[in-house]
Amino acid sequence: MREDAEGKKVLVIQTHGIDTPRRTYSPLFYAMAAASMDMEVLVWFTMDGTSQLKKGAAEKIKLDPESDVTLRTMLERTKEEGVKLYVCQQSMTLFGMTEEDLLDGVEIMGAATIIDLTLGADVVMYF
């Protein structure tokens, strides 16, 4: 592990959703890895990525059909590692979602806020 990693800010932008389950797990793995390296990590779900955060949706997605680990499990583990989860307000509108539809612990933000966060991040990963 690099000694200069601690305290860095990492922004992971997730644009893939439940229609492409193989693309939903990697960003969460990377976010957890960065958090374990004492980095401040935020995952922002936008476009189709928003679909992962609707109550009941992530429980249906498994990367490995033989495993009990669902996408919901991964989202919960990510939060337990201290990763902050945010969702794009405009994308929620496209999916007809309200705050009540979201998994617990997900915060809503608009476009201006994400641009500010991007400018303040040391690393931006886009999926």
N, C-alpha and C. Protein backbone atom coordinates (compact mmCIF):
# COMPACT_ATOMS: atom_id res chain seq x y z
N MET A 1 0.85 -1.18 0.00
CA MET A 1 0.00 0.00 0.00
C MET A 1 0.89 1.23 0.00
N ARG A 2 0.50 2.21 -0.77
CA ARG A 2 1.25 3.46 -0.85
C ARG A 2 1.04 4.29 0.40
N GLU A 3 2.11 4.82 0.93
CA GLU A 3 2.03 5.62 2.15
C GLU A 3 1.28 6.93 1.92
N ASP A 4 1.32 7.45 0.69
CA ASP A 4 0.69 8.74 0.41
C ASP A 4 -0.80 8.61 0.07
N ALA A 5 -1.34 7.40 0.19
CA ALA A 5 -2.77 7.19 -0.13
C ALA A 5 -3.68 7.73 0.96
N GLU A 6 -3.25 7.65 2.20
CA GLU A 6 -4.09 8.05 3.32
C GLU A 6 -4.55 9.51 3.19
N GLY A 7 -5.85 9.70 3.38
CA GLY A 7 -6.42 11.04 3.35
C GLY A 7 -6.82 11.54 1.97
N LYS A 8 -6.49 10.79 0.94
CA LYS A 8 -6.89 11.19 -0.42
C LYS A 8 -8.40 11.07 -0.56
N LYS A 9 -8.97 11.86 -1.45
CA LYS A 9 -10.41 11.80 -1.72
C LYS A 9 -10.63 11.12 -3.07
N VAL A 10 -11.47 10.08 -3.04
CA VAL A 10 -11.76 9.29 -4.24
C VAL A 10 -13.24 9.41 -4.54
N LEU A 11 -13.55 9.77 -5.77
CA LEU A 11 -14.92 9.84 -6.24
C LEU A 11 -15.11 8.75 -7.29
N VAL A 12 -16.07 7.85 -7.05
CA VAL A 12 -16.39 6.79 -8.00
C VAL A 12 -17.75 7.13 -8.59
N ILE A 13 -17.81 7.25 -9.91
CA ILE A 13 -19.06 7.56 -10.59
C ILE A 13 -19.57 6.28 -11.23
N GLN A 14 -20.76 5.85 -10.83
CA GLN A 14 -21.35 4.59 -11.29
C GLN A 14 -22.54 4.89 -12.20
N THR A 15 -22.42 4.51 -13.48
CA THR A 15 -23.48 4.77 -14.45
C THR A 15 -24.22 3.50 -14.87
N HIS A 16 -23.77 2.34 -14.40
CA HIS A 16 -24.39 1.08 -14.79
C HIS A 16 -25.34 0.58 -13.71
N GLY A 17 -26.44 -0.01 -14.16
CA GLY A 17 -27.47 -0.42 -13.22
C GLY A 17 -27.79 -1.89 -13.28
N ILE A 18 -28.99 -2.20 -12.82
CA ILE A 18 -29.39 -3.60 -12.67
C ILE A 18 -29.54 -4.34 -14.01
N ASP A 19 -29.64 -3.61 -15.11
CA ASP A 19 -29.72 -4.27 -16.42
C ASP A 19 -28.38 -4.82 -16.87
N THR A 20 -27.29 -4.37 -16.25
CA THR A 20 -25.94 -4.85 -16.56
C THR A 20 -25.26 -5.25 -15.25
N PRO A 21 -25.71 -6.33 -14.63
CA PRO A 21 -25.24 -6.69 -13.29
C PRO A 21 -23.72 -6.88 -13.17
N ARG A 22 -23.07 -7.35 -14.21
CA ARG A 22 -21.61 -7.54 -14.13
C ARG A 22 -20.86 -6.23 -14.01
N ARG A 23 -21.50 -5.14 -14.35
CA ARG A 23 -20.85 -3.83 -14.26
C ARG A 23 -21.18 -3.10 -12.96
N THR A 24 -21.93 -3.74 -12.09
CA THR A 24 -22.33 -3.07 -10.85
C THR A 24 -21.40 -3.35 -9.68
N TYR A 25 -20.69 -4.45 -9.71
CA TYR A 25 -19.89 -4.86 -8.57
C TYR A 25 -18.51 -4.19 -8.49
N SER A 26 -17.80 -4.10 -9.61
CA SER A 26 -16.43 -3.58 -9.60
C SER A 26 -16.28 -2.21 -8.95
N PRO A 27 -17.14 -1.25 -9.28
CA PRO A 27 -16.99 0.05 -8.63
C PRO A 27 -17.09 -0.03 -7.11
N LEU A 28 -17.92 -0.95 -6.62
CA LEU A 28 -18.06 -1.11 -5.18
C LEU A 28 -16.82 -1.75 -4.58
N PHE A 29 -16.22 -2.73 -5.28
CA PHE A 29 -14.97 -3.33 -4.82
C PHE A 29 -13.88 -2.27 -4.72
N TYR A 30 -13.75 -1.45 -5.76
CA TYR A 30 -12.72 -0.41 -5.75
C TYR A 30 -12.96 0.61 -4.65
N ALA A 31 -14.21 0.96 -4.44
CA ALA A 31 -14.54 1.91 -3.38
C ALA A 31 -14.16 1.34 -2.02
N MET A 32 -14.48 0.08 -1.78
CA MET A 32 -14.12 -0.55 -0.51
C MET A 32 -12.61 -0.66 -0.34
N ALA A 33 -11.90 -0.96 -1.42
CA ALA A 33 -10.44 -1.06 -1.35
C ALA A 33 -9.84 0.30 -0.99
N ALA A 34 -10.32 1.35 -1.61
CA ALA A 34 -9.81 2.69 -1.31
C ALA A 34 -10.13 3.08 0.13
N ALA A 35 -11.31 2.74 0.61
CA ALA A 35 -11.68 3.05 2.00
C ALA A 35 -10.78 2.29 2.97
N SER A 36 -10.42 1.05 2.63
CA SER A 36 -9.54 0.28 3.51
C SER A 36 -8.13 0.86 3.55
N MET A 37 -7.80 1.70 2.57
CA MET A 37 -6.50 2.38 2.53
C MET A 37 -6.59 3.76 3.18
N ASP A 38 -7.63 3.95 3.98
CA ASP A 38 -7.85 5.20 4.71
C ASP A 38 -8.05 6.40 3.80
N MET A 39 -8.70 6.17 2.67
CA MET A 39 -9.08 7.26 1.79
C MET A 39 -10.54 7.61 2.05
N GLU A 40 -10.88 8.85 1.79
CA GLU A 40 -12.28 9.28 1.85
C GLU A 40 -12.91 8.95 0.52
N VAL A 41 -13.97 8.12 0.55
CA VAL A 41 -14.53 7.61 -0.70
C VAL A 41 -16.02 7.92 -0.79
N LEU A 42 -16.41 8.34 -1.99
CA LEU A 42 -17.80 8.64 -2.28
C LEU A 42 -18.17 7.96 -3.59
N VAL A 43 -19.31 7.27 -3.63
CA VAL A 43 -19.81 6.69 -4.88
C VAL A 43 -21.05 7.48 -5.26
N TRP A 44 -21.04 8.00 -6.48
CA TRP A 44 -22.17 8.77 -7.00
C TRP A 44 -22.83 7.95 -8.09
N PHE A 45 -24.10 7.64 -7.89
CA PHE A 45 -24.89 6.85 -8.84
C PHE A 45 -25.68 7.80 -9.72
N THR A 46 -25.50 7.66 -11.02
CA THR A 46 -26.21 8.49 -11.98
C THR A 46 -26.61 7.63 -13.17
N MET A 47 -27.42 8.19 -14.04
CA MET A 47 -27.94 7.49 -15.21
C MET A 47 -28.52 6.14 -14.77
N ASP A 48 -28.16 5.03 -15.42
CA ASP A 48 -28.72 3.73 -15.07
C ASP A 48 -28.27 3.23 -13.69
N GLY A 49 -27.17 3.76 -13.19
CA GLY A 49 -26.70 3.37 -11.86
C GLY A 49 -27.72 3.63 -10.78
N THR A 50 -28.59 4.60 -11.02
CA THR A 50 -29.64 4.95 -10.07
C THR A 50 -30.55 3.76 -9.77
N SER A 51 -30.74 2.89 -10.74
CA SER A 51 -31.64 1.74 -10.57
C SER A 51 -31.20 0.80 -9.45
N GLN A 52 -29.92 0.78 -9.13
CA GLN A 52 -29.40 -0.09 -8.06
C GLN A 52 -29.94 0.30 -6.69
N LEU A 53 -30.29 1.55 -6.55
CA LEU A 53 -30.60 2.10 -5.24
C LEU A 53 -32.08 2.07 -4.90
N LYS A 54 -32.90 1.55 -5.81
CA LYS A 54 -34.33 1.44 -5.54
C LYS A 54 -34.59 0.25 -4.62
N LYS A 55 -35.31 0.48 -3.56
CA LYS A 55 -35.62 -0.59 -2.61
C LYS A 55 -36.16 -1.81 -3.36
N GLY A 56 -35.60 -2.98 -3.05
CA GLY A 56 -36.05 -4.23 -3.66
C GLY A 56 -35.30 -4.62 -4.92
N ALA A 57 -34.63 -3.69 -5.58
CA ALA A 57 -33.96 -4.00 -6.85
C ALA A 57 -32.63 -4.73 -6.64
N ALA A 58 -31.79 -4.24 -5.73
CA ALA A 58 -30.45 -4.80 -5.55
C ALA A 58 -30.48 -6.21 -4.97
N GLU A 59 -31.54 -6.56 -4.28
CA GLU A 59 -31.65 -7.91 -3.70
C GLU A 59 -31.78 -8.98 -4.78
N LYS A 60 -32.20 -8.59 -5.97
CA LYS A 60 -32.44 -9.53 -7.07
C LYS A 60 -31.19 -9.80 -7.91
N ILE A 61 -30.12 -9.03 -7.68
CA ILE A 61 -28.93 -9.11 -8.52
C ILE A 61 -27.83 -9.88 -7.80
N LYS A 62 -27.34 -10.95 -8.46
CA LYS A 62 -26.22 -11.74 -7.95
C LYS A 62 -25.18 -11.85 -9.05
N LEU A 63 -23.94 -11.54 -8.71
CA LEU A 63 -22.87 -11.72 -9.68
C LEU A 63 -22.61 -13.20 -9.91
N ASP A 64 -22.67 -13.97 -8.83
CA ASP A 64 -22.49 -15.41 -8.90
C ASP A 64 -23.79 -16.08 -8.45
N PRO A 65 -24.48 -16.76 -9.35
CA PRO A 65 -25.76 -17.38 -8.99
C PRO A 65 -25.65 -18.41 -7.87
N GLU A 66 -24.45 -18.95 -7.64
CA GLU A 66 -24.24 -19.94 -6.59
C GLU A 66 -24.03 -19.31 -5.22
N SER A 67 -23.87 -18.00 -5.17
CA SER A 67 -23.57 -17.30 -3.93
C SER A 67 -24.82 -16.64 -3.35
N ASP A 68 -24.80 -16.43 -2.06
CA ASP A 68 -25.88 -15.70 -1.40
C ASP A 68 -25.63 -14.19 -1.40
N VAL A 69 -24.49 -13.79 -1.93
CA VAL A 69 -24.13 -12.36 -1.94
C VAL A 69 -24.87 -11.66 -3.07
N THR A 70 -25.70 -10.72 -2.70
CA THR A 70 -26.43 -9.93 -3.69
C THR A 70 -25.79 -8.55 -3.84
N LEU A 71 -26.25 -7.82 -4.81
CA LEU A 71 -25.80 -6.45 -4.97
C LEU A 71 -26.14 -5.64 -3.71
N ARG A 72 -27.27 -5.92 -3.10
CA ARG A 72 -27.65 -5.25 -1.86
C ARG A 72 -26.61 -5.52 -0.77
N THR A 73 -26.14 -6.77 -0.68
CA THR A 73 -25.09 -7.12 0.27
C THR A 73 -23.85 -6.26 0.03
N MET A 74 -23.48 -6.11 -1.23
CA MET A 74 -22.29 -5.31 -1.57
C MET A 74 -22.49 -3.85 -1.22
N LEU A 75 -23.67 -3.31 -1.49
CA LEU A 75 -23.95 -1.92 -1.15
C LEU A 75 -23.87 -1.71 0.36
N GLU A 76 -24.40 -2.66 1.13
CA GLU A 76 -24.34 -2.56 2.60
C GLU A 76 -22.90 -2.64 3.09
N ARG A 77 -22.12 -3.56 2.54
CA ARG A 77 -20.71 -3.69 2.93
C ARG A 77 -19.94 -2.41 2.61
N THR A 78 -20.25 -1.83 1.47
CA THR A 78 -19.59 -0.59 1.06
C THR A 78 -19.86 0.50 2.09
N LYS A 79 -21.11 0.64 2.51
CA LYS A 79 -21.45 1.64 3.52
C LYS A 79 -20.75 1.34 4.84
N GLU A 80 -20.68 0.05 5.22
CA GLU A 80 -20.01 -0.33 6.47
C GLU A 80 -18.54 0.04 6.47
N GLU A 81 -17.93 0.07 5.29
CA GLU A 81 -16.52 0.46 5.16
C GLU A 81 -16.33 1.97 5.24
N GLY A 82 -17.43 2.71 5.37
CA GLY A 82 -17.34 4.16 5.49
C GLY A 82 -17.48 4.91 4.18
N VAL A 83 -17.81 4.20 3.12
CA VAL A 83 -18.01 4.83 1.82
C VAL A 83 -19.37 5.52 1.83
N LYS A 84 -19.40 6.75 1.35
CA LYS A 84 -20.65 7.50 1.28
C LYS A 84 -21.29 7.26 -0.08
N LEU A 85 -22.61 7.00 -0.06
CA LEU A 85 -23.35 6.75 -1.30
C LEU A 85 -24.27 7.92 -1.60
N TYR A 86 -24.18 8.41 -2.83
CA TYR A 86 -25.01 9.53 -3.27
C TYR A 86 -25.68 9.16 -4.59
N VAL A 87 -26.81 9.79 -4.84
CA VAL A 87 -27.54 9.55 -6.08
C VAL A 87 -27.88 10.88 -6.73
N CYS A 88 -27.90 10.88 -8.04
CA CYS A 88 -28.21 12.07 -8.83
C CYS A 88 -29.72 12.35 -8.81
N GLN A 89 -30.05 13.53 -8.38
CA GLN A 89 -31.46 13.92 -8.30
C GLN A 89 -32.14 13.87 -9.67
N GLN A 90 -31.46 14.32 -10.70
CA GLN A 90 -32.04 14.34 -12.03
C GLN A 90 -32.28 12.91 -12.55
N SER A 91 -31.37 11.99 -12.24
CA SER A 91 -31.55 10.60 -12.65
C SER A 91 -32.72 9.95 -11.92
N MET A 92 -32.90 10.31 -10.66
CA MET A 92 -34.04 9.78 -9.91
C MET A 92 -35.34 10.17 -10.61
N THR A 93 -35.40 11.39 -11.09
CA THR A 93 -36.59 11.86 -11.79
C THR A 93 -36.86 11.01 -13.04
N LEU A 94 -35.79 10.69 -13.78
CA LEU A 94 -35.94 9.87 -14.98
C LEU A 94 -36.47 8.48 -14.66
N PHE A 95 -36.15 7.96 -13.49
CA PHE A 95 -36.61 6.64 -13.07
C PHE A 95 -37.92 6.71 -12.29
N GLY A 96 -38.47 7.91 -12.14
CA GLY A 96 -39.72 8.07 -11.40
C GLY A 96 -39.58 7.72 -9.93
N MET A 97 -38.39 7.96 -9.38
CA MET A 97 -38.12 7.61 -7.99
C MET A 97 -38.22 8.83 -7.09
N THR A 98 -38.62 8.58 -5.86
CA THR A 98 -38.63 9.61 -4.83
C THR A 98 -37.67 9.19 -3.72
N GLU A 99 -37.48 10.04 -2.76
CA GLU A 99 -36.60 9.74 -1.63
C GLU A 99 -37.05 8.47 -0.90
N GLU A 100 -38.35 8.25 -0.83
CA GLU A 100 -38.89 7.07 -0.15
C GLU A 100 -38.52 5.76 -0.87
N ASP A 101 -38.19 5.85 -2.16
CA ASP A 101 -37.83 4.67 -2.93
C ASP A 101 -36.38 4.22 -2.70
N LEU A 102 -35.57 5.08 -2.11
CA LEU A 102 -34.14 4.82 -1.97
C LEU A 102 -33.81 3.91 -0.79
N LEU A 103 -32.75 3.16 -0.95
CA LEU A 103 -32.19 2.41 0.16
C LEU A 103 -31.78 3.39 1.26
N ASP A 104 -31.81 2.93 2.49
CA ASP A 104 -31.39 3.78 3.61
C ASP A 104 -29.92 4.13 3.47
N GLY A 105 -29.58 5.34 3.88
CA GLY A 105 -28.19 5.77 3.89
C GLY A 105 -27.69 6.36 2.60
N VAL A 106 -28.57 6.56 1.63
CA VAL A 106 -28.18 7.18 0.36
C VAL A 106 -28.66 8.62 0.37
N GLU A 107 -27.75 9.52 0.02
CA GLU A 107 -28.09 10.94 0.00
C GLU A 107 -28.28 11.42 -1.44
N ILE A 108 -29.21 12.33 -1.63
CA ILE A 108 -29.52 12.88 -2.95
C ILE A 108 -28.71 14.15 -3.18
N MET A 109 -28.15 14.30 -4.37
CA MET A 109 -27.45 15.54 -4.71
C MET A 109 -27.71 15.90 -6.17
N GLY A 110 -27.59 17.17 -6.44
CA GLY A 110 -27.80 17.67 -7.79
C GLY A 110 -26.50 17.81 -8.57
N ALA A 111 -26.61 18.23 -9.80
CA ALA A 111 -25.46 18.33 -10.71
C ALA A 111 -24.39 19.29 -10.22
N ALA A 112 -24.78 20.43 -9.69
CA ALA A 112 -23.78 21.41 -9.23
C ALA A 112 -22.94 20.84 -8.09
N THR A 113 -23.55 20.08 -7.21
CA THR A 113 -22.82 19.50 -6.09
C THR A 113 -21.81 18.47 -6.56
N ILE A 114 -22.19 17.63 -7.51
CA ILE A 114 -21.25 16.62 -7.99
C ILE A 114 -20.08 17.26 -8.72
N ILE A 115 -20.32 18.36 -9.40
CA ILE A 115 -19.20 19.05 -10.06
C ILE A 115 -18.24 19.60 -9.01
N ASP A 116 -18.76 20.16 -7.93
CA ASP A 116 -17.91 20.61 -6.83
C ASP A 116 -17.09 19.46 -6.26
N LEU A 117 -17.74 18.32 -6.04
CA LEU A 117 -17.04 17.16 -5.49
C LEU A 117 -15.96 16.66 -6.45
N THR A 118 -16.24 16.69 -7.74
CA THR A 118 -15.25 16.27 -8.74
C THR A 118 -14.02 17.17 -8.68
N LEU A 119 -14.25 18.46 -8.56
CA LEU A 119 -13.13 19.40 -8.50
C LEU A 119 -12.29 19.21 -7.24
N GLY A 120 -12.89 18.72 -6.17
CA GLY A 120 -12.17 18.53 -4.92
C GLY A 120 -11.58 17.15 -4.74
N ALA A 121 -11.83 16.23 -5.67
CA ALA A 121 -11.34 14.85 -5.53
C ALA A 121 -9.90 14.75 -6.02
N ASP A 122 -9.14 13.88 -5.37
CA ASP A 122 -7.79 13.58 -5.83
C ASP A 122 -7.83 12.58 -6.98
N VAL A 123 -8.82 11.70 -6.94
CA VAL A 123 -8.98 10.66 -7.96
C VAL A 123 -10.46 10.56 -8.31
N VAL A 124 -10.75 10.46 -9.62
CA VAL A 124 -12.12 10.22 -10.07
C VAL A 124 -12.09 8.97 -10.93
N MET A 125 -12.93 7.99 -10.55
CA MET A 125 -13.06 6.75 -11.32
C MET A 125 -14.46 6.73 -11.90
N TYR A 126 -14.57 6.38 -13.16
CA TYR A 126 -15.85 6.44 -13.86
C TYR A 126 -16.18 5.07 -14.44
N PHE A 127 -17.35 4.56 -14.08
CA PHE A 127 -17.79 3.26 -14.58
C PHE A 127 -19.13 3.39 -15.24
